[in-house]
Amino acid sequence: MSAPDEKKQTDFIRTIIAQDLARNLNDGRVVTRFPPEPNGTLHIGHAKSICLNFGVASQYPSGRCHLRFDDTNPEKEEIAYIQSIKEDVRWLGFDWGDHLYFASDYFQRLYELAEVLIKKGKAYVCSLSADEMRDYRGTLTEPGRQSPGRSREVSENLTLFQAMRAGQFADGTHTLRAKISMVSPNINMRDPTLYRIRRVHHHQTGDQWCIYPTYDYTHCISDALEGITHSLCTLEFEDHRPLYDWILDQLQEELACHPQQIEFSRLELEFTVMSKRMLTTLVTGNHVCGWDDPRLPTIAGLRRRGYSPQSIRNFCRLIGITKAPNHVEMALLENCLREDLEVNAPRAMAVLNPLRIILDNLPEDYLEEIVVANHSQNEALGTRTLVLTRELFIEREDFEETPPKGFKRLIPDGEVRLRHAYVIRCQGVLRNPKTQAIESLRCTVDTETMNKAPEGRKVKGVIHWVSAQRHCKAEIRLYDRLFNVPQPADNKAGGTFLDHLNPESLQILEDRPVEESLAAAQLGQHFQFERLGYFSPDIHDSTPGKPVFNRSVSLRDSWAKVEKKI
């Protein structure tokens, strides 16, 4: 059910559950659920809820967590979302076993219980239009007004509701509402809607139903029918808890249990947006390339970018579970990935801005194979073979004709070590005769310096390289933060969150030289390109022999200084 890293956590929710178990509440059972609506793609905020619900259940021998799709709004729901949600949960490392459910599984029972509420005088059929209902509802400072339908007799309400079920009325002409109070200070308790007429094809039940229950009515009953003990949800549902409890209280004779709803703060991650509406705008407005664009905080996007399940679980553990606002720095998520990949990602070399060097004291057909460890501290990652030839590529930034103070890389008549290889010396510069731009460097190599320092000389710099004659060409995608301000949705000065899009959030580099071994990179692998960051093959576009690498994260937080200026 859960990866072991969740089992040692503690927070106020786990404390409540431990106290309940000590009192033998729920007969010692712990049953949670993750209840997504199949109308969108999961994001990092959902990952927090997934880790909490599955993690809590995993702490107890008899604990279990259900995956339940709250599919009460078929207008916006799709089978594709169901499949992607299941894939995301599994990818994060969790398994619901035999406990996969749909709210639509309970449509008949929900209808029967609605009739029970009518018979108890706790629900009635309302004939107000949507606009009239909003007007009658009142405001946060003014009480609502009673619907004319509120005074209907039980028998009339029952007849009307059955006619709604039979499809005898047009969409929007009637609703079923709970009879609670139109003067409650909690606007969610002002006779909320339980059922509405909608002739919409449902992905699970087809055209069996023309009336559909609301989320608030369905959710609490679904919890009770499944024997959920602790219904964990985010703080926006705190004002809905009285309705959750009211419905279950009215049906206590019909339902075997009354789950406890507990709220926690939702995740707000800086330099991105978590609103489904805003994410939809980004996708449909072609500001990003689909729901799994690596710049989005969706789980699919994070997976495609190269985040590991372990790094996301570690992130969710570190941010914790509280009721306080949960504004988290993007740097924390990025550091969780760095910490995971630092230990588990094999090393490789790639050159993003190539400058050719020619080792003049080697013959033109020179070729030397050098076997090196894929990770200096993780022998399990094995070895690979580098190919040293007469001509190499280094990063253009690793050479300076007029070096600034403290520059420790290659300079005219200066020495530097090639990573895993020899010390080289720059003997000259070749320029384009028209532009005078540097085209290549003439160098010599000291073949006595493999794995040892040159006698009597101090060589401080080490640079990475790739053979110019034996390499693989790759497309490199450098992803950065999608927005250039920490809270793009908070537009106090006007405008919209789109005004803060980072125009440099994606840079595509074509035909860049990388080690030959990377031609066989497999989907799902991670690599540290030495001195450049962590990279992973793109799950859509990378193929054997023609790799496409996404930069998952840089080696260090390059935004730290930027954020201080904002």
Protein backbone atom coordinates (compact mmCIF):
# COMPACT_ATOMS: atom_id res chain seq x y z
CA MET A 1 0.00 0.00 0.00
CA SER A 2 2.72 2.44 0.90
CA ALA A 3 6.43 2.98 0.59
CA PRO A 4 8.26 2.70 3.95
CA ASP A 5 9.28 6.37 4.11
CA GLU A 6 5.73 7.39 5.16
CA LYS A 7 5.53 5.06 8.15
CA LYS A 8 7.54 7.13 10.65
CA GLN A 9 5.70 10.42 10.21
CA THR A 10 3.71 12.19 12.88
CA ASP A 11 1.32 15.14 12.73
CA PHE A 12 -1.95 16.32 14.25
CA ILE A 13 -4.03 13.95 12.09
CA ARG A 14 -1.97 10.93 13.05
CA THR A 15 -2.24 12.02 16.69
CA ILE A 16 -6.06 12.10 16.41
CA ILE A 17 -6.10 8.64 14.85
CA ALA A 18 -3.78 7.26 17.55
CA GLN A 19 -6.14 8.65 20.21
CA ASP A 20 -9.13 7.09 18.46
CA LEU A 21 -7.40 3.73 18.42
CA ALA A 22 -6.53 4.04 22.09
CA ARG A 23 -10.28 4.46 22.77
CA ASN A 24 -11.06 1.52 20.44
CA LEU A 25 -13.11 3.86 18.30
CA ASN A 26 -14.21 2.25 15.03
CA ASP A 27 -13.35 -1.14 16.55
CA GLY A 28 -9.67 -0.41 15.98
CA ARG A 29 -10.06 0.08 12.24
CA VAL A 30 -8.25 2.74 10.18
CA VAL A 31 -9.72 3.22 6.72
CA THR A 32 -8.94 6.30 4.63
CA ARG A 33 -9.64 7.20 1.02
CA PHE A 34 -8.23 9.30 -1.78
CA PRO A 35 -11.28 10.66 -3.66
CA PRO A 36 -10.30 12.52 -6.86
CA GLU A 37 -12.84 13.84 -9.32
CA PRO A 38 -12.02 12.44 -12.79
CA ASN A 39 -12.26 15.84 -14.47
CA GLY A 40 -8.59 16.81 -14.62
CA THR A 41 -4.99 15.82 -14.11
CA LEU A 42 -3.50 15.39 -10.64
CA HIS A 43 -0.86 17.87 -9.45
CA ILE A 44 1.68 18.10 -6.65
CA GLY A 45 -1.05 19.22 -4.23
CA HIS A 46 -2.87 15.95 -4.84
CA ALA A 47 0.41 14.14 -4.18
CA LYS A 48 0.34 15.58 -0.67
CA SER A 49 -3.13 14.13 -0.12
CA ILE A 50 -2.16 10.79 -1.69
CA CYS A 51 0.88 10.47 0.58
CA LEU A 52 -1.21 11.39 3.61
CA ASN A 53 -4.15 9.04 3.00
CA PHE A 54 -2.12 6.04 1.87
CA GLY A 55 0.66 6.80 4.35
CA VAL A 56 -1.66 6.97 7.37
CA ALA A 57 -3.32 3.69 6.46
CA SER A 58 0.04 1.96 5.98
CA GLN A 59 1.05 2.66 9.58
CA TYR A 60 -1.44 0.11 10.90
CA PRO A 61 -1.52 -3.64 10.22
CA SER A 62 -5.22 -3.60 9.35
CA GLY A 63 -5.21 -0.15 7.76
CA ARG A 64 -6.30 0.37 4.18
CA CYS A 65 -6.81 3.24 1.78
CA HIS A 66 -9.45 3.28 -0.95
CA LEU A 67 -9.18 4.95 -4.32
CA ARG A 68 -12.63 6.33 -5.10
CA PHE A 69 -13.57 8.45 -8.07
CA ASP A 70 -16.20 11.03 -7.14
CA ASP A 71 -17.84 10.99 -10.55
CA THR A 72 -21.03 12.98 -9.94
CA ASN A 73 -20.51 15.52 -12.73
CA PRO A 74 -20.31 13.59 -16.02
CA GLU A 75 -20.27 16.79 -18.10
CA LYS A 76 -16.59 17.28 -17.25
CA GLU A 77 -15.42 13.73 -16.56
CA GLU A 78 -13.49 11.46 -18.92
CA ILE A 79 -12.18 7.90 -18.91
CA ALA A 80 -8.76 9.30 -19.84
CA TYR A 81 -8.61 11.18 -16.52
CA ILE A 82 -9.47 8.00 -14.64
CA GLN A 83 -6.62 6.15 -16.29
CA SER A 84 -4.12 8.97 -15.72
CA ILE A 85 -5.08 9.26 -12.05
CA LYS A 86 -4.58 5.54 -11.49
CA GLU A 87 -1.24 5.74 -13.27
CA ASP A 88 -0.14 8.70 -11.13
CA VAL A 89 -1.06 7.02 -7.84
CA ARG A 90 0.75 3.83 -8.81
CA TRP A 91 3.78 5.77 -10.04
CA LEU A 92 4.05 7.49 -6.66
CA GLY A 93 4.38 4.04 -5.11
CA PHE A 94 0.91 3.35 -3.73
CA ASP A 95 -1.59 0.56 -4.33
CA TRP A 96 -5.28 0.41 -3.44
CA GLY A 97 -5.46 -3.35 -3.92
CA ASP A 98 -9.07 -4.48 -4.33
CA HIS A 99 -10.45 -1.20 -3.06
CA LEU A 100 -11.20 0.75 -6.23
CA TYR A 101 -14.59 2.44 -6.16
CA PHE A 102 -16.71 4.98 -7.99
CA ALA A 103 -19.35 7.21 -6.48
CA SER A 104 -21.49 6.05 -9.39
CA ASP A 105 -21.37 2.56 -7.85
CA TYR A 106 -23.74 3.96 -5.23
CA PHE A 107 -26.17 5.90 -7.46
CA GLN A 108 -29.08 3.57 -6.71
CA ARG A 109 -28.41 3.59 -2.97
CA LEU A 110 -27.97 7.36 -2.97
CA TYR A 111 -31.35 7.71 -4.68
CA GLU A 112 -33.00 5.43 -2.12
CA LEU A 113 -31.50 7.42 0.76
CA ALA A 114 -32.73 10.65 -0.82
CA GLU A 115 -36.24 9.20 -0.70
CA VAL A 116 -35.63 8.40 2.98
CA LEU A 117 -34.75 12.06 3.64
CA ILE A 118 -37.95 13.14 1.86
CA LYS A 119 -40.04 10.74 3.92
CA LYS A 120 -38.43 12.08 7.10
CA GLY A 121 -39.32 15.61 6.07
CA LYS A 122 -35.63 16.49 5.66
CA ALA A 123 -35.65 17.15 1.90
CA TYR A 124 -37.97 18.75 -0.62
CA VAL A 125 -38.30 19.42 -4.34
CA CYS A 126 -37.57 23.04 -5.26
CA SER A 127 -38.76 24.58 -8.53
CA LEU A 128 -36.71 27.76 -8.43
CA SER A 129 -34.45 28.48 -11.37
CA ALA A 130 -30.69 28.67 -10.81
CA ASP A 131 -30.80 32.48 -10.78
CA GLU A 132 -33.76 32.54 -8.40
CA MET A 133 -32.05 30.08 -6.08
CA ARG A 134 -28.97 32.31 -5.89
CA ASP A 135 -31.19 35.27 -5.08
CA TYR A 136 -33.11 33.39 -2.40
CA ARG A 137 -29.91 32.09 -0.85
CA GLY A 138 -28.92 35.42 0.67
CA THR A 139 -25.39 36.62 1.35
CA LEU A 140 -22.75 36.23 4.00
CA THR A 141 -24.33 39.14 5.90
CA GLU A 142 -28.01 38.65 4.98
CA PRO A 143 -30.17 35.57 5.65
CA GLY A 144 -31.75 33.64 2.83
CA ARG A 145 -35.45 33.28 1.98
CA GLN A 146 -37.42 30.08 1.94
CA SER A 147 -38.24 28.51 -1.41
CA PRO A 148 -41.98 28.20 -2.17
CA GLY A 149 -41.36 24.47 -2.54
CA ARG A 150 -40.22 24.19 1.06
CA SER A 151 -43.82 23.94 2.27
CA ARG A 152 -44.74 21.01 0.00
CA GLU A 153 -46.14 17.90 1.63
CA VAL A 154 -43.98 14.82 1.91
CA SER A 155 -46.16 12.89 -0.52
CA GLU A 156 -45.94 15.64 -3.16
CA ASN A 157 -42.16 15.87 -2.77
CA LEU A 158 -41.84 12.11 -3.14
CA THR A 159 -44.02 12.09 -6.27
CA LEU A 160 -42.07 14.96 -7.83
CA PHE A 161 -38.70 13.39 -7.04
CA GLN A 162 -39.77 10.08 -8.58
CA ALA A 163 -40.94 11.99 -11.65
CA MET A 164 -37.53 13.67 -11.80
CA ARG A 165 -35.96 10.23 -11.76
CA ALA A 166 -38.29 9.05 -14.51
CA GLY A 167 -37.20 11.88 -16.81
CA GLN A 168 -40.54 13.70 -16.84
CA PHE A 169 -39.03 17.17 -16.37
CA ALA A 170 -36.60 19.27 -18.38
CA ASP A 171 -33.09 19.97 -17.16
CA GLY A 172 -32.94 22.71 -14.54
CA THR A 173 -36.66 22.79 -13.78
CA HIS A 174 -36.42 21.12 -10.36
CA THR A 175 -33.84 20.24 -7.74
CA LEU A 176 -33.95 18.23 -4.56
CA ARG A 177 -32.79 20.27 -1.57
CA ALA A 178 -32.05 19.47 2.06
CA LYS A 179 -34.42 21.15 4.51
CA ILE A 180 -32.04 22.65 7.09
CA SER A 181 -32.16 26.44 7.62
CA MET A 182 -32.24 29.47 5.34
CA VAL A 183 -30.89 31.72 8.11
CA SER A 184 -27.79 29.71 9.01
CA PRO A 185 -24.61 31.84 9.16
CA ASN A 186 -22.95 28.99 7.24
CA ILE A 187 -24.20 29.51 3.71
CA ASN A 188 -23.50 25.85 2.89
CA MET A 189 -26.32 24.92 5.30
CA ARG A 190 -28.98 27.04 3.61
CA ASP A 191 -31.01 24.19 2.15
CA PRO A 192 -28.22 22.95 -0.14
CA THR A 193 -28.97 21.09 -3.36
CA LEU A 194 -28.82 17.30 -3.18
CA TYR A 195 -29.95 16.38 -6.72
CA ARG A 196 -30.26 18.16 -10.06
CA ILE A 197 -31.70 17.13 -13.42
CA ARG A 198 -29.02 16.65 -16.10
CA ARG A 199 -29.45 14.58 -19.22
CA VAL A 200 -25.79 13.75 -19.66
CA HIS A 201 -24.20 10.46 -20.68
CA HIS A 202 -22.14 9.05 -17.80
CA HIS A 203 -18.85 7.25 -18.45
CA GLN A 204 -19.78 4.47 -15.98
CA THR A 205 -23.58 4.28 -15.96
CA GLY A 206 -24.35 5.36 -19.51
CA ASP A 207 -27.85 6.84 -19.82
CA GLN A 208 -29.38 5.08 -16.82
CA TRP A 209 -29.74 8.35 -14.92
CA CYS A 210 -31.03 11.80 -15.80
CA ILE A 211 -30.62 13.09 -12.26
CA TYR A 212 -27.26 13.28 -10.53
CA PRO A 213 -26.38 13.79 -6.85
CA THR A 214 -24.19 16.69 -5.75
CA TYR A 215 -20.70 16.21 -4.41
CA ASP A 216 -21.61 17.24 -0.85
CA TYR A 217 -24.47 14.75 -0.69
CA THR A 218 -22.54 11.93 -2.33
CA HIS A 219 -19.21 12.23 -0.58
CA CYS A 220 -20.26 11.67 3.02
CA ILE A 221 -22.59 8.79 2.15
CA SER A 222 -19.93 7.13 0.00
CA ASP A 223 -17.53 7.38 2.96
CA ALA A 224 -20.10 5.76 5.23
CA LEU A 225 -20.98 2.98 2.76
CA GLU A 226 -17.29 2.08 2.43
CA GLY A 227 -16.66 2.11 6.17
CA ILE A 228 -14.21 5.01 6.02
CA THR A 229 -13.09 5.94 9.53
CA HIS A 230 -11.21 9.18 8.83
CA SER A 231 -12.19 11.36 5.88
CA LEU A 232 -9.14 13.58 5.32
CA CYS A 233 -9.61 16.64 3.13
CA THR A 234 -8.23 20.13 2.60
CA LEU A 235 -9.34 23.22 4.50
CA GLU A 236 -11.74 24.54 1.86
CA PHE A 237 -14.08 21.76 3.00
CA GLU A 238 -14.08 22.89 6.63
CA ASP A 239 -17.25 24.94 6.13
CA HIS A 240 -18.83 21.89 4.48
CA ARG A 241 -18.22 19.66 7.49
CA PRO A 242 -21.50 20.66 9.24
CA LEU A 243 -23.39 19.52 6.12
CA TYR A 244 -21.31 16.31 5.99
CA ASP A 245 -22.30 15.57 9.58
CA TRP A 246 -25.94 16.68 9.14
CA ILE A 247 -26.59 14.28 6.27
CA LEU A 248 -25.03 11.36 8.13
CA ASP A 249 -26.94 12.25 11.31
CA GLN A 250 -30.26 12.16 9.43
CA LEU A 251 -29.39 8.75 7.99
CA GLN A 252 -27.82 7.17 11.06
CA GLU A 253 -30.45 4.40 11.10
CA GLU A 254 -29.70 3.52 7.47
CA LEU A 255 -25.90 3.78 7.58
CA ALA A 256 -23.59 1.61 9.65
CA CYS A 257 -20.99 4.24 10.50
CA HIS A 258 -20.34 7.98 10.72
CA PRO A 259 -16.85 8.82 9.43
CA GLN A 260 -14.91 11.71 10.96
CA GLN A 261 -13.94 14.51 8.58
CA ILE A 262 -10.60 16.17 9.38
CA GLU A 263 -9.20 19.08 7.39
CA PHE A 264 -5.60 20.07 6.66
CA SER A 265 -4.08 22.94 4.72
CA ARG A 266 -3.66 22.56 0.98
CA LEU A 267 -0.29 22.97 -0.68
CA GLU A 268 0.59 26.28 -2.33
CA LEU A 269 3.84 26.02 -4.25
CA GLU A 270 5.75 29.13 -5.28
CA PHE A 271 6.57 30.00 -8.91
CA THR A 272 3.62 28.00 -10.23
CA VAL A 273 -0.18 27.79 -10.03
CA MET A 274 -2.26 25.00 -8.53
CA SER A 275 -5.74 26.15 -9.56
CA LYS A 276 -7.42 23.74 -11.98
CA ARG A 277 -8.90 26.74 -13.80
CA MET A 278 -5.49 28.36 -14.25
CA LEU A 279 -3.85 25.10 -15.29
CA THR A 280 -6.60 24.59 -17.85
CA THR A 281 -6.00 28.12 -19.18
CA LEU A 282 -2.30 27.37 -19.59
CA VAL A 283 -3.04 24.17 -21.52
CA THR A 284 -5.93 25.33 -23.70
CA GLY A 285 -4.21 28.66 -24.40
CA ASN A 286 -1.11 26.83 -25.68
CA HIS A 287 1.13 28.52 -23.12
CA VAL A 288 2.44 25.02 -22.39
CA CYS A 289 2.48 21.78 -24.37
CA GLY A 290 -0.25 19.71 -22.74
CA TRP A 291 -1.06 18.51 -19.24
CA ASP A 292 2.29 16.71 -18.94
CA ASP A 293 4.38 19.70 -19.94
CA PRO A 294 7.50 19.46 -17.72
CA ARG A 295 6.99 23.04 -16.53
CA LEU A 296 3.62 22.27 -14.93
CA PRO A 297 3.18 21.06 -11.33
CA THR A 298 1.06 18.13 -12.54
CA ILE A 299 2.31 14.72 -11.50
CA ALA A 300 2.47 13.76 -15.18
CA GLY A 301 4.55 16.87 -15.89
CA LEU A 302 6.90 16.21 -12.99
CA ARG A 303 7.31 12.60 -14.10
CA ARG A 304 8.11 13.67 -17.66
CA ARG A 305 10.57 16.26 -16.41
CA GLY A 306 12.47 13.57 -14.58
CA TYR A 307 11.27 13.80 -10.97
CA SER A 308 11.43 10.51 -9.12
CA PRO A 309 8.58 9.15 -6.99
CA GLN A 310 10.92 9.06 -3.99
CA SER A 311 11.76 12.76 -4.33
CA ILE A 312 8.07 13.73 -4.34
CA ARG A 313 7.30 11.51 -1.36
CA ASN A 314 10.24 13.04 0.50
CA PHE A 315 8.94 16.51 -0.36
CA CYS A 316 5.48 15.68 0.99
CA ARG A 317 7.04 14.33 4.17
CA LEU A 318 9.14 17.45 4.71
CA ILE A 319 6.31 19.97 4.24
CA GLY A 320 4.23 18.10 6.81
CA ILE A 321 0.52 18.23 7.62
CA THR A 322 -0.86 21.27 9.43
CA LYS A 323 -3.83 23.62 9.39
CA ALA A 324 -1.58 26.64 8.81
CA PRO A 325 -1.19 28.11 5.29
CA ASN A 326 1.23 25.92 3.38
CA HIS A 327 3.19 28.25 1.06
CA VAL A 328 6.25 26.24 0.09
CA GLU A 329 9.34 27.41 -1.78
CA MET A 330 9.98 25.73 -5.11
CA ALA A 331 13.59 25.33 -3.98
CA LEU A 332 12.49 22.72 -1.42
CA LEU A 333 10.93 20.52 -4.10
CA GLU A 334 14.00 20.94 -6.31
CA ASN A 335 16.34 20.09 -3.43
CA CYS A 336 14.40 16.90 -2.71
CA LEU A 337 15.07 15.81 -6.28
CA ARG A 338 18.76 16.76 -6.04
CA GLU A 339 19.19 14.77 -2.83
CA ASP A 340 17.60 11.68 -4.36
CA LEU A 341 19.46 11.81 -7.67
CA GLU A 342 22.79 12.74 -6.09
CA VAL A 343 22.86 9.23 -4.66
CA ASN A 344 21.05 7.31 -7.38
CA ALA A 345 21.81 8.93 -10.75
CA PRO A 346 24.78 7.70 -12.79
CA ARG A 347 27.14 10.36 -14.10
CA ALA A 348 27.69 11.18 -17.76
CA MET A 349 29.18 13.99 -19.82
CA ALA A 350 27.51 16.27 -22.35
CA VAL A 351 28.52 19.58 -23.90
CA LEU A 352 25.80 22.18 -24.39
CA ASN A 353 27.81 25.03 -25.93
CA PRO A 354 30.62 23.23 -27.75
CA LEU A 355 34.09 24.57 -28.50
CA ARG A 356 36.40 22.25 -30.44
CA ILE A 357 39.90 21.55 -29.16
CA ILE A 358 42.61 19.75 -31.11
CA LEU A 359 45.27 17.79 -29.23
CA ASP A 360 48.19 18.43 -31.56
CA ASN A 361 50.58 15.89 -30.04
CA LEU A 362 48.23 12.98 -30.69
CA PRO A 363 47.98 11.24 -34.10
CA GLU A 364 44.82 11.86 -36.13
CA ASP A 365 43.59 8.29 -35.65
CA TYR A 366 44.25 8.27 -31.90
CA LEU A 367 41.59 6.48 -29.86
CA GLU A 368 41.83 5.53 -26.21
CA GLU A 369 39.09 3.81 -24.22
CA ILE A 370 38.87 4.79 -20.58
CA VAL A 371 36.71 2.74 -18.21
CA VAL A 372 35.23 4.93 -15.46
CA ALA A 373 32.74 4.47 -12.62
CA ASN A 374 29.22 5.72 -13.23
CA HIS A 375 29.17 7.02 -9.66
CA SER A 376 32.16 7.54 -7.40
CA GLN A 377 30.27 6.44 -4.28
CA ASN A 378 27.73 3.96 -5.63
CA GLU A 379 29.45 0.89 -7.09
CA ALA A 380 26.09 -0.70 -7.88
CA LEU A 381 25.68 1.76 -10.77
CA GLY A 382 28.54 0.06 -12.62
CA THR A 383 30.97 1.48 -15.15
CA ARG A 384 31.02 2.90 -18.66
CA THR A 385 33.65 3.46 -21.34
CA LEU A 386 34.74 6.92 -22.48
CA VAL A 387 36.46 7.42 -25.82
CA LEU A 388 39.35 9.91 -25.96
CA THR A 389 40.28 11.10 -29.45
CA ARG A 390 42.50 13.77 -30.98
CA GLU A 391 39.62 16.21 -31.29
CA LEU A 392 37.27 16.95 -28.42
CA PHE A 393 34.45 19.30 -27.49
CA ILE A 394 34.51 21.32 -24.29
CA GLU A 395 32.10 23.98 -23.05
CA ARG A 396 32.80 27.34 -24.62
CA GLU A 397 32.42 28.86 -21.14
CA ASP A 398 35.39 26.78 -19.97
CA PHE A 399 37.85 28.91 -21.94
CA GLU A 400 38.67 32.59 -21.41
CA GLU A 401 41.30 34.59 -23.26
CA THR A 402 41.16 37.30 -20.62
CA PRO A 403 40.12 35.40 -17.51
CA PRO A 404 38.43 37.12 -14.57
CA LYS A 405 39.96 36.79 -11.13
CA GLY A 406 39.52 33.30 -9.72
CA PHE A 407 38.87 31.65 -13.09
CA LYS A 408 40.09 28.03 -12.79
CA ARG A 409 39.46 26.63 -16.22
CA LEU A 410 41.34 26.81 -19.50
CA ILE A 411 43.27 29.95 -20.49
CA PRO A 412 46.00 30.69 -23.06
CA ASP A 413 49.16 28.79 -22.03
CA GLY A 414 47.26 27.43 -19.06
CA GLU A 415 46.52 23.88 -17.96
CA VAL A 416 43.38 22.07 -16.94
CA ARG A 417 42.47 18.43 -16.36
CA LEU A 418 39.99 16.63 -18.56
CA ARG A 419 37.52 14.79 -16.34
CA HIS A 420 38.61 11.13 -15.92
CA ALA A 421 41.59 11.75 -18.22
CA TYR A 422 44.74 13.81 -18.74
CA VAL A 423 46.01 17.32 -18.17
CA ILE A 424 45.97 19.47 -21.30
CA ARG A 425 47.62 22.81 -22.09
CA CYS A 426 46.23 25.50 -24.42
CA GLN A 427 48.88 26.44 -26.99
CA GLY A 428 46.89 28.63 -29.35
CA VAL A 429 43.57 29.93 -30.65
CA LEU A 430 42.11 29.53 -34.14
CA ARG A 431 39.70 32.24 -35.27
CA ASN A 432 37.22 32.76 -38.05
CA PRO A 433 39.06 35.06 -40.49
CA LYS A 434 35.95 37.15 -41.11
CA THR A 435 34.32 37.45 -37.69
CA GLN A 436 37.39 36.78 -35.51
CA ALA A 437 35.20 34.49 -33.39
CA ILE A 438 37.10 31.64 -31.75
CA GLU A 439 36.53 28.44 -33.73
CA SER A 440 38.88 26.03 -31.99
CA LEU A 441 41.81 25.71 -29.60
CA ARG A 442 45.19 24.11 -30.27
CA CYS A 443 46.25 22.13 -27.23
CA THR A 444 48.68 19.47 -26.11
CA VAL A 445 48.03 16.57 -23.77
CA ASP A 446 50.34 15.23 -21.08
CA THR A 447 49.86 11.47 -21.34
CA GLU A 448 51.74 10.90 -18.08
CA THR A 449 49.00 12.51 -15.99
CA MET A 450 46.23 9.89 -15.98
CA ASN A 451 45.01 9.68 -12.36
CA LYS A 452 47.97 11.65 -11.05
CA ALA A 453 49.09 15.26 -10.83
CA PRO A 454 51.78 16.52 -13.21
CA GLU A 455 55.09 16.71 -11.42
CA GLY A 456 55.93 20.20 -10.20
CA ARG A 457 52.77 21.81 -11.60
CA LYS A 458 49.50 22.79 -9.91
CA VAL A 459 46.38 22.15 -11.97
CA LYS A 460 43.31 23.47 -10.18
CA GLY A 461 40.58 23.12 -12.79
CA VAL A 462 38.74 20.05 -14.05
CA ILE A 463 36.43 20.32 -17.07
CA HIS A 464 34.12 17.86 -18.81
CA TRP A 465 34.43 16.93 -22.45
CA VAL A 466 33.06 14.74 -25.25
CA SER A 467 34.91 13.24 -28.20
CA ALA A 468 34.35 15.24 -31.39
CA GLN A 469 34.81 12.09 -33.47
CA ARG A 470 32.93 9.56 -31.33
CA HIS A 471 29.79 10.96 -29.76
CA CYS A 472 26.01 10.89 -29.96
CA LYS A 473 23.95 13.92 -30.94
CA ALA A 474 21.08 14.75 -28.61
CA GLU A 475 18.39 17.36 -28.25
CA ILE A 476 18.64 19.07 -24.88
CA ARG A 477 15.64 20.81 -23.32
CA LEU A 478 16.50 23.21 -20.52
CA TYR A 479 13.41 23.74 -18.38
CA ASP A 480 13.14 26.52 -15.85
CA ARG A 481 10.38 27.85 -13.62
CA LEU A 482 7.21 28.66 -15.51
CA PHE A 483 6.67 32.01 -13.76
CA ASN A 484 9.14 34.71 -12.80
CA VAL A 485 7.44 35.74 -9.52
CA PRO A 486 6.83 33.56 -6.44
CA GLN A 487 3.03 34.00 -6.36
CA PRO A 488 1.80 34.57 -9.93
CA ALA A 489 -1.87 34.17 -8.96
CA ASP A 490 -1.65 37.07 -6.49
CA ASN A 491 -2.08 39.99 -8.89
CA LYS A 492 -2.65 42.88 -6.53
CA ALA A 493 -1.54 45.36 -9.20
CA GLY A 494 -4.08 44.06 -11.72
CA GLY A 495 -3.62 41.94 -14.81
CA THR A 496 -3.62 38.15 -14.71
CA PHE A 497 -1.25 35.38 -13.75
CA LEU A 498 -0.34 35.06 -17.44
CA ASP A 499 1.45 38.41 -17.19
CA HIS A 500 4.12 36.69 -15.08
CA LEU A 501 5.02 33.84 -17.43
CA ASN A 502 8.76 33.34 -17.66
CA PRO A 503 9.73 33.75 -21.35
CA GLU A 504 12.88 31.70 -20.70
CA SER A 505 11.15 28.73 -19.09
CA LEU A 506 12.18 26.50 -22.01
CA GLN A 507 15.32 26.55 -24.13
CA ILE A 508 15.82 23.87 -26.79
CA LEU A 509 19.36 22.98 -27.89
CA GLU A 510 19.60 20.74 -30.95
CA ASP A 511 22.36 18.34 -31.99
CA ARG A 512 24.50 18.70 -28.87
CA PRO A 513 27.35 16.21 -28.36
CA VAL A 514 26.89 13.72 -25.53
CA GLU A 515 28.72 10.53 -24.58
CA GLU A 516 28.17 7.57 -26.90
CA SER A 517 26.74 5.56 -24.01
CA LEU A 518 23.78 7.94 -23.76
CA ALA A 519 22.51 6.83 -27.16
CA ALA A 520 21.04 3.81 -25.35
CA ALA A 521 19.45 5.80 -22.51
CA GLN A 522 16.19 4.20 -21.42
CA LEU A 523 12.96 5.96 -20.47
CA GLY A 524 12.78 6.42 -16.73
CA GLN A 525 16.55 6.67 -16.29
CA HIS A 526 18.16 9.66 -14.64
CA PHE A 527 21.65 11.05 -15.23
CA GLN A 528 23.80 13.73 -13.77
CA PHE A 529 25.44 15.50 -16.69
CA GLU A 530 28.58 16.56 -14.90
CA ARG A 531 28.59 20.25 -13.95
CA LEU A 532 25.32 20.81 -15.87
CA GLY A 533 22.50 19.28 -13.83
CA TYR A 534 20.25 16.23 -13.73
CA PHE A 535 18.67 15.02 -16.96
CA SER A 536 16.21 12.37 -18.04
CA PRO A 537 15.07 11.08 -21.47
CA ASP A 538 11.79 12.61 -22.60
CA ILE A 539 9.07 9.95 -22.37
CA HIS A 540 7.43 11.03 -25.63
CA ASP A 541 10.21 12.14 -27.94
CA SER A 542 13.37 10.29 -26.93
CA THR A 543 14.26 7.17 -28.94
CA PRO A 544 17.33 4.88 -29.00
CA GLY A 545 20.04 6.55 -31.04
CA LYS A 546 18.19 9.88 -31.08
CA PRO A 547 17.90 10.84 -27.43
CA VAL A 548 16.04 13.88 -26.17
CA PHE A 549 16.98 14.89 -22.64
CA ASN A 550 14.98 17.09 -20.30
CA ARG A 551 16.85 18.91 -17.58
CA SER A 552 15.06 17.92 -14.40
CA VAL A 553 16.91 20.35 -12.15
CA SER A 554 20.19 22.24 -12.09
CA LEU A 555 22.98 21.27 -9.72
CA ARG A 556 22.26 24.26 -7.50
CA ASP A 557 19.48 26.79 -6.97
CA SER A 558 20.21 29.49 -9.52
CA TRP A 559 17.12 31.41 -8.38
CA ALA A 560 18.35 32.07 -4.85
CA LYS A 561 19.85 35.48 -5.69
CA VAL A 562 16.92 36.36 -7.96
CA GLU A 563 14.38 35.71 -5.22
CA LYS A 564 16.22 37.99 -2.82
CA LYS A 565 15.81 40.85 -5.29
CA ILE A 566 12.08 40.33 -5.79
